[in-house]
Structure formats: structure tokens, C-alpha cells
All heavy atoms as atom14 arrays in JSON, in Angstrom:
{
  "sequence": "YERLRAAGYTARSGWLTSSTAGGGSWLAQSTLLSGLWIDSAPRYQAF",
  "atom14_mask": [
    [1, 1, 1, 1, 1, 1, 1, 1, 1, 1, 1, 1, 0, 0],
    [1, 1, 1, 1, 1, 1, 1, 1, 1, 0, 0, 0, 0, 0],
    [1, 1, 1, 1, 1, 1, 1, 1, 1, 1, 1, 0, 0, 0],
    [1, 1, 1, 1, 1, 1, 1, 1, 0, 0, 0, 0, 0, 0],
    [1, 1, 1, 1, 1, 1, 1, 1, 1, 1, 1, 0, 0, 0],
    [1, 1, 1, 1, 1, 0, 0, 0, 0, 0, 0, 0, 0, 0],
    [1, 1, 1, 1, 1, 0, 0, 0, 0, 0, 0, 0, 0, 0],
    [1, 1, 1, 1, 0, 0, 0, 0, 0, 0, 0, 0, 0, 0],
    [1, 1, 1, 1, 1, 1, 1, 1, 1, 1, 1, 1, 0, 0],
    [1, 1, 1, 1, 1, 1, 1, 0, 0, 0, 0, 0, 0, 0],
    [1, 1, 1, 1, 1, 0, 0, 0, 0, 0, 0, 0, 0, 0],
    [1, 1, 1, 1, 1, 1, 1, 1, 1, 1, 1, 0, 0, 0],
    [1, 1, 1, 1, 1, 1, 0, 0, 0, 0, 0, 0, 0, 0],
    [1, 1, 1, 1, 0, 0, 0, 0, 0, 0, 0, 0, 0, 0],
    [1, 1, 1, 1, 1, 1, 1, 1, 1, 1, 1, 1, 1, 1],
    [1, 1, 1, 1, 1, 1, 1, 1, 0, 0, 0, 0, 0, 0],
    [1, 1, 1, 1, 1, 1, 1, 0, 0, 0, 0, 0, 0, 0],
    [1, 1, 1, 1, 1, 1, 0, 0, 0, 0, 0, 0, 0, 0],
    [1, 1, 1, 1, 1, 1, 0, 0, 0, 0, 0, 0, 0, 0],
    [1, 1, 1, 1, 1, 1, 1, 0, 0, 0, 0, 0, 0, 0],
    [1, 1, 1, 1, 1, 0, 0, 0, 0, 0, 0, 0, 0, 0],
    [1, 1, 1, 1, 0, 0, 0, 0, 0, 0, 0, 0, 0, 0],
    [1, 1, 1, 1, 0, 0, 0, 0, 0, 0, 0, 0, 0, 0],
    [1, 1, 1, 1, 0, 0, 0, 0, 0, 0, 0, 0, 0, 0],
    [1, 1, 1, 1, 1, 1, 0, 0, 0, 0, 0, 0, 0, 0],
    [1, 1, 1, 1, 1, 1, 1, 1, 1, 1, 1, 1, 1, 1],
    [1, 1, 1, 1, 1, 1, 1, 1, 0, 0, 0, 0, 0, 0],
    [1, 1, 1, 1, 1, 0, 0, 0, 0, 0, 0, 0, 0, 0],
    [1, 1, 1, 1, 1, 1, 1, 1, 1, 0, 0, 0, 0, 0],
    [1, 1, 1, 1, 1, 1, 0, 0, 0, 0, 0, 0, 0, 0],
    [1, 1, 1, 1, 1, 1, 1, 0, 0, 0, 0, 0, 0, 0],
    [1, 1, 1, 1, 1, 1, 1, 1, 0, 0, 0, 0, 0, 0],
    [1, 1, 1, 1, 1, 1, 1, 1, 0, 0, 0, 0, 0, 0],
    [1, 1, 1, 1, 1, 1, 0, 0, 0, 0, 0, 0, 0, 0],
    [1, 1, 1, 1, 0, 0, 0, 0, 0, 0, 0, 0, 0, 0],
    [1, 1, 1, 1, 1, 1, 1, 1, 0, 0, 0, 0, 0, 0],
    [1, 1, 1, 1, 1, 1, 1, 1, 1, 1, 1, 1, 1, 1],
    [1, 1, 1, 1, 1, 1, 1, 1, 0, 0, 0, 0, 0, 0],
    [1, 1, 1, 1, 1, 1, 1, 1, 0, 0, 0, 0, 0, 0],
    [1, 1, 1, 1, 1, 1, 0, 0, 0, 0, 0, 0, 0, 0],
    [1, 1, 1, 1, 1, 0, 0, 0, 0, 0, 0, 0, 0, 0],
    [1, 1, 1, 1, 1, 1, 1, 0, 0, 0, 0, 0, 0, 0],
    [1, 1, 1, 1, 1, 1, 1, 1, 1, 1, 1, 0, 0, 0],
    [1, 1, 1, 1, 1, 1, 1, 1, 1, 1, 1, 1, 0, 0],
    [1, 1, 1, 1, 1, 1, 1, 1, 1, 0, 0, 0, 0, 0],
    [1, 1, 1, 1, 1, 0, 0, 0, 0, 0, 0, 0, 0, 0],
    [1, 1, 1, 1, 1, 1, 1, 1, 1, 1, 1, 0, 0, 0]
  ],
  "atom14_positions": [
    [[-3.63, 4.56, -6.9], [-2.77, 5.06, -7.97], [-3.49, 5.02, -9.31], [-3.28, 5.91, -10.16], [-1.48, 4.26, -8.04], [-0.46, 4.87, -8.96], [-0.09, 6.22, -8.82], [0.14, 4.14, -9.98], [0.85, 6.81, -9.66], [1.09, 4.72, -10.82], [1.43, 6.06, -10.66], [2.35, 6.64, -11.49], [0.0, 0.0, 0.0], [0.0, 0.0, 0.0]],
    [[-4.33, 4.03, -9.52], [-5.11, 4.0, -10.75], [-5.99, 5.24, -10.86], [-6.09, 5.84, -11.94], [-5.97, 2.72, -10.79], [-5.16, 1.44, -10.95], [-6.03, 0.2, -10.82], [-7.24, 0.34, -10.55], [-5.49, -0.92, -10.98], [0.0, 0.0, 0.0], [0.0, 0.0, 0.0], [0.0, 0.0, 0.0], [0.0, 0.0, 0.0], [0.0, 0.0, 0.0]],
    [[-6.6, 5.62, -9.76], [-7.44, 6.82, -9.78], [-6.6, 8.08, -9.99], [-6.98, 8.98, -10.73], [-8.23, 6.94, -8.47], [-9.12, 5.74, -8.16], [-10.18, 6.04, -7.11], [-9.68, 6.66, -5.91], [-9.32, 6.02, -4.81], [-9.36, 4.68, -4.78], [-8.91, 6.68, -3.74], [0.0, 0.0, 0.0], [0.0, 0.0, 0.0], [0.0, 0.0, 0.0]],
    [[-5.46, 8.14, -9.34], [-4.59, 9.31, -9.49], [-4.03, 9.4, -10.9], [-3.91, 10.5, -11.47], [-3.46, 9.27, -8.46], [-3.88, 9.45, -6.99], [-2.67, 9.29, -6.08], [-4.54, 10.8, -6.77], [0.0, 0.0, 0.0], [0.0, 0.0, 0.0], [0.0, 0.0, 0.0], [0.0, 0.0, 0.0], [0.0, 0.0, 0.0], [0.0, 0.0, 0.0]],
    [[-3.66, 8.27, -11.47], [-3.16, 8.27, -12.85], [-4.23, 8.79, -13.8], [-3.93, 9.57, -14.73], [-2.73, 6.86, -13.27], [-1.41, 6.41, -12.68], [-0.23, 7.13, -13.32], [-0.03, 6.73, -14.7], [0.63, 7.43, -15.6], [1.13, 8.61, -15.29], [0.78, 6.99, -16.84], [0.0, 0.0, 0.0], [0.0, 0.0, 0.0], [0.0, 0.0, 0.0]],
    [[-5.46, 8.39, -13.56], [-6.55, 8.86, -14.41], [-6.74, 10.37, -14.3], [-7.22, 11.02, -15.24], [-7.84, 8.14, -14.04], [0.0, 0.0, 0.0], [0.0, 0.0, 0.0], [0.0, 0.0, 0.0], [0.0, 0.0, 0.0], [0.0, 0.0, 0.0], [0.0, 0.0, 0.0], [0.0, 0.0, 0.0], [0.0, 0.0, 0.0], [0.0, 0.0, 0.0]],
    [[-6.34, 10.92, -13.14], [-6.46, 12.36, -12.93], [-5.2, 13.11, -13.36], [-5.12, 14.34, -13.18], [-6.74, 12.64, -11.46], [0.0, 0.0, 0.0], [0.0, 0.0, 0.0], [0.0, 0.0, 0.0], [0.0, 0.0, 0.0], [0.0, 0.0, 0.0], [0.0, 0.0, 0.0], [0.0, 0.0, 0.0], [0.0, 0.0, 0.0], [0.0, 0.0, 0.0]],
    [[-4.22, 12.39, -13.91], [-3.03, 13.05, -14.43], [-1.82, 13.06, -13.53], [-0.81, 13.71, -13.86], [0.0, 0.0, 0.0], [0.0, 0.0, 0.0], [0.0, 0.0, 0.0], [0.0, 0.0, 0.0], [0.0, 0.0, 0.0], [0.0, 0.0, 0.0], [0.0, 0.0, 0.0], [0.0, 0.0, 0.0], [0.0, 0.0, 0.0], [0.0, 0.0, 0.0]],
    [[-1.85, 12.35, -12.41], [-0.71, 12.33, -11.49], [0.21, 11.16, -11.81], [-0.23, 10.1, -12.31], [-1.19, 12.19, -10.04], [-1.96, 13.37, -9.54], [-3.35, 13.42, -9.65], [-1.31, 14.45, -8.96], [-4.07, 14.51, -9.19], [-2.02, 15.55, -8.5], [-3.4, 15.57, -8.62], [-4.1, 16.66, -8.17], [0.0, 0.0, 0.0], [0.0, 0.0, 0.0]],
    [[1.47, 11.33, -11.51], [2.43, 10.23, -11.57], [3.19, 10.2, -10.25], [3.27, 11.19, -9.52], [3.43, 10.4, -12.73], [4.03, 11.69, -12.64], [2.74, 10.23, -14.06], [0.0, 0.0, 0.0], [0.0, 0.0, 0.0], [0.0, 0.0, 0.0], [0.0, 0.0, 0.0], [0.0, 0.0, 0.0], [0.0, 0.0, 0.0], [0.0, 0.0, 0.0]],
    [[3.75, 9.04, -9.95], [4.44, 8.88, -8.66], [5.58, 7.89, -8.82], [5.57, 7.01, -9.7], [3.47, 8.39, -7.6], [0.0, 0.0, 0.0], [0.0, 0.0, 0.0], [0.0, 0.0, 0.0], [0.0, 0.0, 0.0], [0.0, 0.0, 0.0], [0.0, 0.0, 0.0], [0.0, 0.0, 0.0], [0.0, 0.0, 0.0], [0.0, 0.0, 0.0]],
    [[6.57, 8.04, -7.97], [7.67, 7.09, -7.86], [7.92, 6.8, -6.38], [7.79, 7.7, -5.55], [8.94, 7.61, -8.53], [8.84, 7.69, -10.04], [10.16, 8.07, -10.69], [10.05, 8.07, -12.14], [10.2, 7.0, -12.92], [10.5, 5.83, -12.36], [10.08, 7.08, -14.23], [0.0, 0.0, 0.0], [0.0, 0.0, 0.0], [0.0, 0.0, 0.0]],
    [[8.33, 5.57, -6.1], [8.45, 5.15, -4.7], [9.74, 4.37, -4.47], [10.24, 3.67, -5.35], [7.25, 4.28, -4.3], [6.04, 5.01, -4.4], [0.0, 0.0, 0.0], [0.0, 0.0, 0.0], [0.0, 0.0, 0.0], [0.0, 0.0, 0.0], [0.0, 0.0, 0.0], [0.0, 0.0, 0.0], [0.0, 0.0, 0.0], [0.0, 0.0, 0.0]],
    [[10.23, 4.48, -3.26], [11.41, 3.72, -2.83], [11.31, 3.44, -1.34], [10.23, 3.47, -0.75], [0.0, 0.0, 0.0], [0.0, 0.0, 0.0], [0.0, 0.0, 0.0], [0.0, 0.0, 0.0], [0.0, 0.0, 0.0], [0.0, 0.0, 0.0], [0.0, 0.0, 0.0], [0.0, 0.0, 0.0], [0.0, 0.0, 0.0], [0.0, 0.0, 0.0]],
    [[12.46, 3.18, -0.73], [12.51, 2.88, 0.7], [13.51, 3.8, 1.37], [14.55, 4.16, 0.79], [12.94, 1.43, 0.95], [12.11, 0.38, 0.31], [12.41, -0.32, -0.83], [10.85, -0.11, 0.75], [11.42, -1.22, -1.11], [10.45, -1.12, -0.16], [10.02, 0.19, 1.83], [9.25, -1.81, -0.03], [8.83, -0.51, 1.97], [8.45, -1.49, 1.06]],
    [[13.22, 4.18, 2.6], [14.17, 4.89, 3.45], [14.36, 4.09, 4.74], [13.4, 3.51, 5.25], [13.65, 6.29, 3.8], [13.43, 7.27, 2.65], [12.87, 8.59, 3.19], [14.73, 7.54, 1.89], [0.0, 0.0, 0.0], [0.0, 0.0, 0.0], [0.0, 0.0, 0.0], [0.0, 0.0, 0.0], [0.0, 0.0, 0.0], [0.0, 0.0, 0.0]],
    [[15.56, 4.06, 5.25], [15.82, 3.41, 6.53], [15.71, 4.46, 7.63], [16.48, 5.41, 7.68], [17.22, 2.78, 6.56], [17.3, 1.81, 5.52], [17.48, 2.1, 7.9], [0.0, 0.0, 0.0], [0.0, 0.0, 0.0], [0.0, 0.0, 0.0], [0.0, 0.0, 0.0], [0.0, 0.0, 0.0], [0.0, 0.0, 0.0], [0.0, 0.0, 0.0]],
    [[14.72, 4.29, 8.5], [14.44, 5.27, 9.54], [15.49, 5.22, 10.64], [16.13, 4.19, 10.87], [13.05, 5.03, 10.13], [12.76, 5.95, 11.16], [0.0, 0.0, 0.0], [0.0, 0.0, 0.0], [0.0, 0.0, 0.0], [0.0, 0.0, 0.0], [0.0, 0.0, 0.0], [0.0, 0.0, 0.0], [0.0, 0.0, 0.0], [0.0, 0.0, 0.0]],
    [[15.61, 6.32, 11.35], [16.54, 6.39, 12.48], [15.94, 5.84, 13.76], [16.61, 5.8, 14.8], [16.98, 7.85, 12.71], [15.85, 8.67, 12.96], [0.0, 0.0, 0.0], [0.0, 0.0, 0.0], [0.0, 0.0, 0.0], [0.0, 0.0, 0.0], [0.0, 0.0, 0.0], [0.0, 0.0, 0.0], [0.0, 0.0, 0.0], [0.0, 0.0, 0.0]],
    [[14.69, 5.4, 13.71], [14.03, 4.87, 14.9], [13.05, 3.78, 14.5], [12.77, 3.59, 13.31], [13.31, 6.01, 15.67], [12.78, 5.5, 16.9], [12.18, 6.61, 14.85], [0.0, 0.0, 0.0], [0.0, 0.0, 0.0], [0.0, 0.0, 0.0], [0.0, 0.0, 0.0], [0.0, 0.0, 0.0], [0.0, 0.0, 0.0], [0.0, 0.0, 0.0]],
    [[12.53, 3.06, 15.47], [11.55, 2.01, 15.22], [10.6, 1.92, 16.4], [11.0, 2.1, 17.56], [12.23, 0.66, 15.01], [0.0, 0.0, 0.0], [0.0, 0.0, 0.0], [0.0, 0.0, 0.0], [0.0, 0.0, 0.0], [0.0, 0.0, 0.0], [0.0, 0.0, 0.0], [0.0, 0.0, 0.0], [0.0, 0.0, 0.0], [0.0, 0.0, 0.0]],
    [[9.33, 1.71, 16.12], [8.35, 1.51, 17.17], [7.86, 2.78, 17.83], [6.84, 2.77, 18.51], [0.0, 0.0, 0.0], [0.0, 0.0, 0.0], [0.0, 0.0, 0.0], [0.0, 0.0, 0.0], [0.0, 0.0, 0.0], [0.0, 0.0, 0.0], [0.0, 0.0, 0.0], [0.0, 0.0, 0.0], [0.0, 0.0, 0.0], [0.0, 0.0, 0.0]],
    [[8.55, 3.88, 17.67], [8.2, 5.15, 18.3], [9.29, 6.17, 18.06], [10.28, 5.9, 17.38], [0.0, 0.0, 0.0], [0.0, 0.0, 0.0], [0.0, 0.0, 0.0], [0.0, 0.0, 0.0], [0.0, 0.0, 0.0], [0.0, 0.0, 0.0], [0.0, 0.0, 0.0], [0.0, 0.0, 0.0], [0.0, 0.0, 0.0], [0.0, 0.0, 0.0]],
    [[9.12, 7.36, 18.63], [10.12, 8.4, 18.44], [9.99, 9.08, 17.09], [11.0, 9.35, 16.42], [0.0, 0.0, 0.0], [0.0, 0.0, 0.0], [0.0, 0.0, 0.0], [0.0, 0.0, 0.0], [0.0, 0.0, 0.0], [0.0, 0.0, 0.0], [0.0, 0.0, 0.0], [0.0, 0.0, 0.0], [0.0, 0.0, 0.0], [0.0, 0.0, 0.0]],
    [[8.75, 9.41, 16.71], [8.51, 10.01, 15.39], [9.34, 11.27, 15.19], [9.77, 11.57, 14.07], [7.02, 10.34, 15.24], [6.23, 9.19, 15.37], [0.0, 0.0, 0.0], [0.0, 0.0, 0.0], [0.0, 0.0, 0.0], [0.0, 0.0, 0.0], [0.0, 0.0, 0.0], [0.0, 0.0, 0.0], [0.0, 0.0, 0.0], [0.0, 0.0, 0.0]],
    [[9.55, 12.03, 16.26], [10.31, 13.27, 16.13], [11.74, 13.03, 15.66], [12.33, 13.89, 15.01], [10.28, 14.05, 17.44], [10.92, 13.33, 18.6], [12.21, 13.43, 19.02], [10.28, 12.39, 19.49], [12.42, 12.61, 20.11], [11.26, 11.96, 20.43], [8.99, 11.88, 19.58], [10.98, 11.05, 21.44], [8.71, 10.96, 20.6], [9.7, 10.56, 21.51]],
    [[12.29, 11.86, 15.98], [13.64, 11.54, 15.52], [13.66, 11.32, 14.01], [14.56, 11.79, 13.31], [14.16, 10.3, 16.25], [14.23, 10.38, 17.77], [14.69, 9.05, 18.36], [15.15, 11.51, 18.22], [0.0, 0.0, 0.0], [0.0, 0.0, 0.0], [0.0, 0.0, 0.0], [0.0, 0.0, 0.0], [0.0, 0.0, 0.0], [0.0, 0.0, 0.0]],
    [[12.65, 10.61, 13.51], [12.58, 10.37, 12.07], [12.31, 11.67, 11.31], [12.92, 11.94, 10.27], [11.49, 9.34, 11.78], [0.0, 0.0, 0.0], [0.0, 0.0, 0.0], [0.0, 0.0, 0.0], [0.0, 0.0, 0.0], [0.0, 0.0, 0.0], [0.0, 0.0, 0.0], [0.0, 0.0, 0.0], [0.0, 0.0, 0.0], [0.0, 0.0, 0.0]],
    [[11.39, 12.46, 11.81], [11.05, 13.71, 11.12], [12.25, 14.65, 11.04], [12.53, 15.23, 10.0], [9.88, 14.38, 11.83], [8.58, 13.6, 11.72], [7.5, 14.09, 12.66], [7.61, 15.16, 13.26], [6.43, 13.31, 12.82], [0.0, 0.0, 0.0], [0.0, 0.0, 0.0], [0.0, 0.0, 0.0], [0.0, 0.0, 0.0], [0.0, 0.0, 0.0]],
    [[12.96, 14.78, 12.15], [14.14, 15.66, 12.14], [15.25, 15.08, 11.27], [16.0, 15.83, 10.63], [14.65, 15.89, 13.57], [14.93, 14.67, 14.23], [0.0, 0.0, 0.0], [0.0, 0.0, 0.0], [0.0, 0.0, 0.0], [0.0, 0.0, 0.0], [0.0, 0.0, 0.0], [0.0, 0.0, 0.0], [0.0, 0.0, 0.0], [0.0, 0.0, 0.0]],
    [[15.37, 13.77, 11.21], [16.37, 13.14, 10.35], [16.11, 13.45, 8.89], [17.01, 13.85, 8.14], [16.4, 11.62, 10.58], [16.89, 11.34, 11.88], [17.3, 10.92, 9.57], [0.0, 0.0, 0.0], [0.0, 0.0, 0.0], [0.0, 0.0, 0.0], [0.0, 0.0, 0.0], [0.0, 0.0, 0.0], [0.0, 0.0, 0.0], [0.0, 0.0, 0.0]],
    [[14.86, 13.26, 8.46], [14.54, 13.51, 7.06], [14.73, 14.97, 6.69], [15.3, 15.3, 5.64], [13.1, 13.09, 6.76], [12.73, 13.27, 5.29], [12.67, 11.93, 4.58], [11.43, 14.03, 5.11], [0.0, 0.0, 0.0], [0.0, 0.0, 0.0], [0.0, 0.0, 0.0], [0.0, 0.0, 0.0], [0.0, 0.0, 0.0], [0.0, 0.0, 0.0]],
    [[14.25, 15.87, 7.53], [14.25, 17.29, 7.18], [15.62, 17.94, 7.31], [15.93, 18.89, 6.6], [13.23, 18.03, 8.05], [11.77, 17.62, 7.84], [10.88, 18.27, 8.89], [11.29, 18.0, 6.44], [0.0, 0.0, 0.0], [0.0, 0.0, 0.0], [0.0, 0.0, 0.0], [0.0, 0.0, 0.0], [0.0, 0.0, 0.0], [0.0, 0.0, 0.0]],
    [[16.47, 17.43, 8.21], [17.77, 18.06, 8.45], [18.92, 17.43, 7.68], [19.98, 18.03, 7.54], [18.11, 18.01, 9.95], [18.44, 16.68, 10.33], [0.0, 0.0, 0.0], [0.0, 0.0, 0.0], [0.0, 0.0, 0.0], [0.0, 0.0, 0.0], [0.0, 0.0, 0.0], [0.0, 0.0, 0.0], [0.0, 0.0, 0.0], [0.0, 0.0, 0.0]],
    [[18.73, 16.18, 7.2], [19.84, 15.49, 6.57], [20.88, 15.0, 7.55], [22.02, 14.73, 7.18], [0.0, 0.0, 0.0], [0.0, 0.0, 0.0], [0.0, 0.0, 0.0], [0.0, 0.0, 0.0], [0.0, 0.0, 0.0], [0.0, 0.0, 0.0], [0.0, 0.0, 0.0], [0.0, 0.0, 0.0], [0.0, 0.0, 0.0], [0.0, 0.0, 0.0]],
    [[20.5, 14.88, 8.81], [21.39, 14.36, 9.86], [20.79, 13.08, 10.43], [19.55, 12.96, 10.52], [21.54, 15.38, 10.98], [22.25, 16.69, 10.63], [22.0, 17.72, 11.73], [23.75, 16.46, 10.46], [0.0, 0.0, 0.0], [0.0, 0.0, 0.0], [0.0, 0.0, 0.0], [0.0, 0.0, 0.0], [0.0, 0.0, 0.0], [0.0, 0.0, 0.0]],
    [[21.64, 12.16, 10.86], [21.14, 10.92, 11.46], [20.85, 11.21, 12.94], [21.74, 11.26, 13.77], [22.17, 9.81, 11.33], [21.65, 8.47, 11.75], [21.95, 7.78, 12.88], [20.74, 7.64, 11.02], [21.28, 6.59, 12.91], [20.53, 6.47, 11.78], [20.07, 7.78, 9.8], [19.68, 5.44, 11.35], [19.23, 6.75, 9.37], [19.05, 5.6, 10.14]],
    [[19.57, 11.42, 13.25], [19.16, 11.8, 14.6], [18.39, 10.62, 15.19], [17.21, 10.41, 14.88], [18.31, 13.08, 14.58], [19.12, 14.23, 13.95], [17.86, 13.45, 15.99], [18.36, 15.53, 13.82], [0.0, 0.0, 0.0], [0.0, 0.0, 0.0], [0.0, 0.0, 0.0], [0.0, 0.0, 0.0], [0.0, 0.0, 0.0], [0.0, 0.0, 0.0]],
    [[19.07, 9.85, 16.02], [18.48, 8.63, 16.56], [18.44, 8.61, 18.08], [18.2, 7.56, 18.68], [19.25, 7.4, 16.06], [20.72, 7.43, 16.48], [21.19, 8.47, 16.99], [21.39, 6.39, 16.29], [0.0, 0.0, 0.0], [0.0, 0.0, 0.0], [0.0, 0.0, 0.0], [0.0, 0.0, 0.0], [0.0, 0.0, 0.0], [0.0, 0.0, 0.0]],
    [[18.67, 9.78, 18.71], [18.69, 9.82, 20.17], [18.33, 11.22, 20.64], [18.43, 12.2, 19.87], [20.07, 9.43, 20.71], [21.04, 10.41, 20.33], [0.0, 0.0, 0.0], [0.0, 0.0, 0.0], [0.0, 0.0, 0.0], [0.0, 0.0, 0.0], [0.0, 0.0, 0.0], [0.0, 0.0, 0.0], [0.0, 0.0, 0.0], [0.0, 0.0, 0.0]],
    [[17.94, 11.32, 21.91], [17.59, 12.61, 22.48], [18.78, 13.58, 22.49], [18.6, 14.76, 22.17], [17.03, 12.43, 23.89], [0.0, 0.0, 0.0], [0.0, 0.0, 0.0], [0.0, 0.0, 0.0], [0.0, 0.0, 0.0], [0.0, 0.0, 0.0], [0.0, 0.0, 0.0], [0.0, 0.0, 0.0], [0.0, 0.0, 0.0], [0.0, 0.0, 0.0]],
    [[20.0, 13.16, 22.85], [21.11, 14.11, 22.81], [21.36, 14.67, 21.41], [21.64, 15.85, 21.25], [22.3, 13.29, 23.31], [21.69, 12.26, 24.2], [20.41, 11.9, 23.52], [0.0, 0.0, 0.0], [0.0, 0.0, 0.0], [0.0, 0.0, 0.0], [0.0, 0.0, 0.0], [0.0, 0.0, 0.0], [0.0, 0.0, 0.0], [0.0, 0.0, 0.0]],
    [[21.25, 13.84, 20.4], [21.42, 14.33, 19.03], [20.3, 15.31, 18.67], [20.54, 16.34, 18.03], [21.46, 13.17, 18.04], [22.78, 12.41, 18.04], [22.88, 11.45, 16.87], [24.25, 10.99, 16.68], [24.84, 10.79, 15.51], [24.16, 11.01, 14.39], [26.09, 10.38, 15.43], [0.0, 0.0, 0.0], [0.0, 0.0, 0.0], [0.0, 0.0, 0.0]],
    [[19.09, 14.98, 19.07], [17.97, 15.86, 18.76], [18.14, 17.2, 19.45], [17.91, 18.26, 18.83], [16.67, 15.19, 19.21], [15.42, 15.97, 18.86], [15.03, 16.15, 17.54], [14.64, 16.53, 19.87], [13.88, 16.87, 17.23], [13.5, 17.25, 19.56], [13.12, 17.41, 18.24], [12.0, 18.13, 17.93], [0.0, 0.0, 0.0], [0.0, 0.0, 0.0]],
    [[18.56, 17.19, 20.7], [18.76, 18.45, 21.42], [19.88, 19.28, 20.78], [19.77, 20.5, 20.66], [19.09, 18.17, 22.89], [17.91, 17.63, 23.7], [16.75, 18.62, 23.74], [16.93, 19.83, 23.89], [15.54, 18.1, 23.61], [0.0, 0.0, 0.0], [0.0, 0.0, 0.0], [0.0, 0.0, 0.0], [0.0, 0.0, 0.0], [0.0, 0.0, 0.0]],
    [[20.95, 18.61, 20.36], [22.04, 19.34, 19.7], [21.55, 19.97, 18.41], [21.91, 21.1, 18.07], [23.21, 18.39, 19.43], [0.0, 0.0, 0.0], [0.0, 0.0, 0.0], [0.0, 0.0, 0.0], [0.0, 0.0, 0.0], [0.0, 0.0, 0.0], [0.0, 0.0, 0.0], [0.0, 0.0, 0.0], [0.0, 0.0, 0.0], [0.0, 0.0, 0.0]],
    [[20.72, 19.24, 17.67], [20.15, 19.8, 16.44], [19.3, 21.03, 16.73], [19.38, 22.04, 16.02], [19.32, 18.72, 15.73], [18.29, 19.27, 14.78], [18.67, 19.92, 13.62], [16.93, 19.14, 15.06], [17.71, 20.43, 12.75], [15.98, 19.65, 14.21], [16.37, 20.3, 13.04], [0.0, 0.0, 0.0], [0.0, 0.0, 0.0], [0.0, 0.0, 0.0]]
  ]
}
């Protein structure tokens, strides 16, 4: 961030609670992009 600040960038950070843990990246990606809580295969298929 020190290097990026020197180049003119700024950033802000927080936390998100993922819909999965340990694996199942596709569930997290679809959750973030769709605005739906997708934590299982049936939900993902419905989406």
C-alpha cells in the first residue's frame, strides 16, 4: 500500500462473511456477484 499510495492510489478495506468455508469457491463467487446467499448446490443450480 505504501508503494501504491506513492503512485497515487487509495484503498479502503472491510470484511465480508462468505457463504462457504474451506472450498466451494463457486458458491462465494456467485454470492458476491448475484447478491443472493448461495451456500449449496441446489441454490447454485436454481441461480
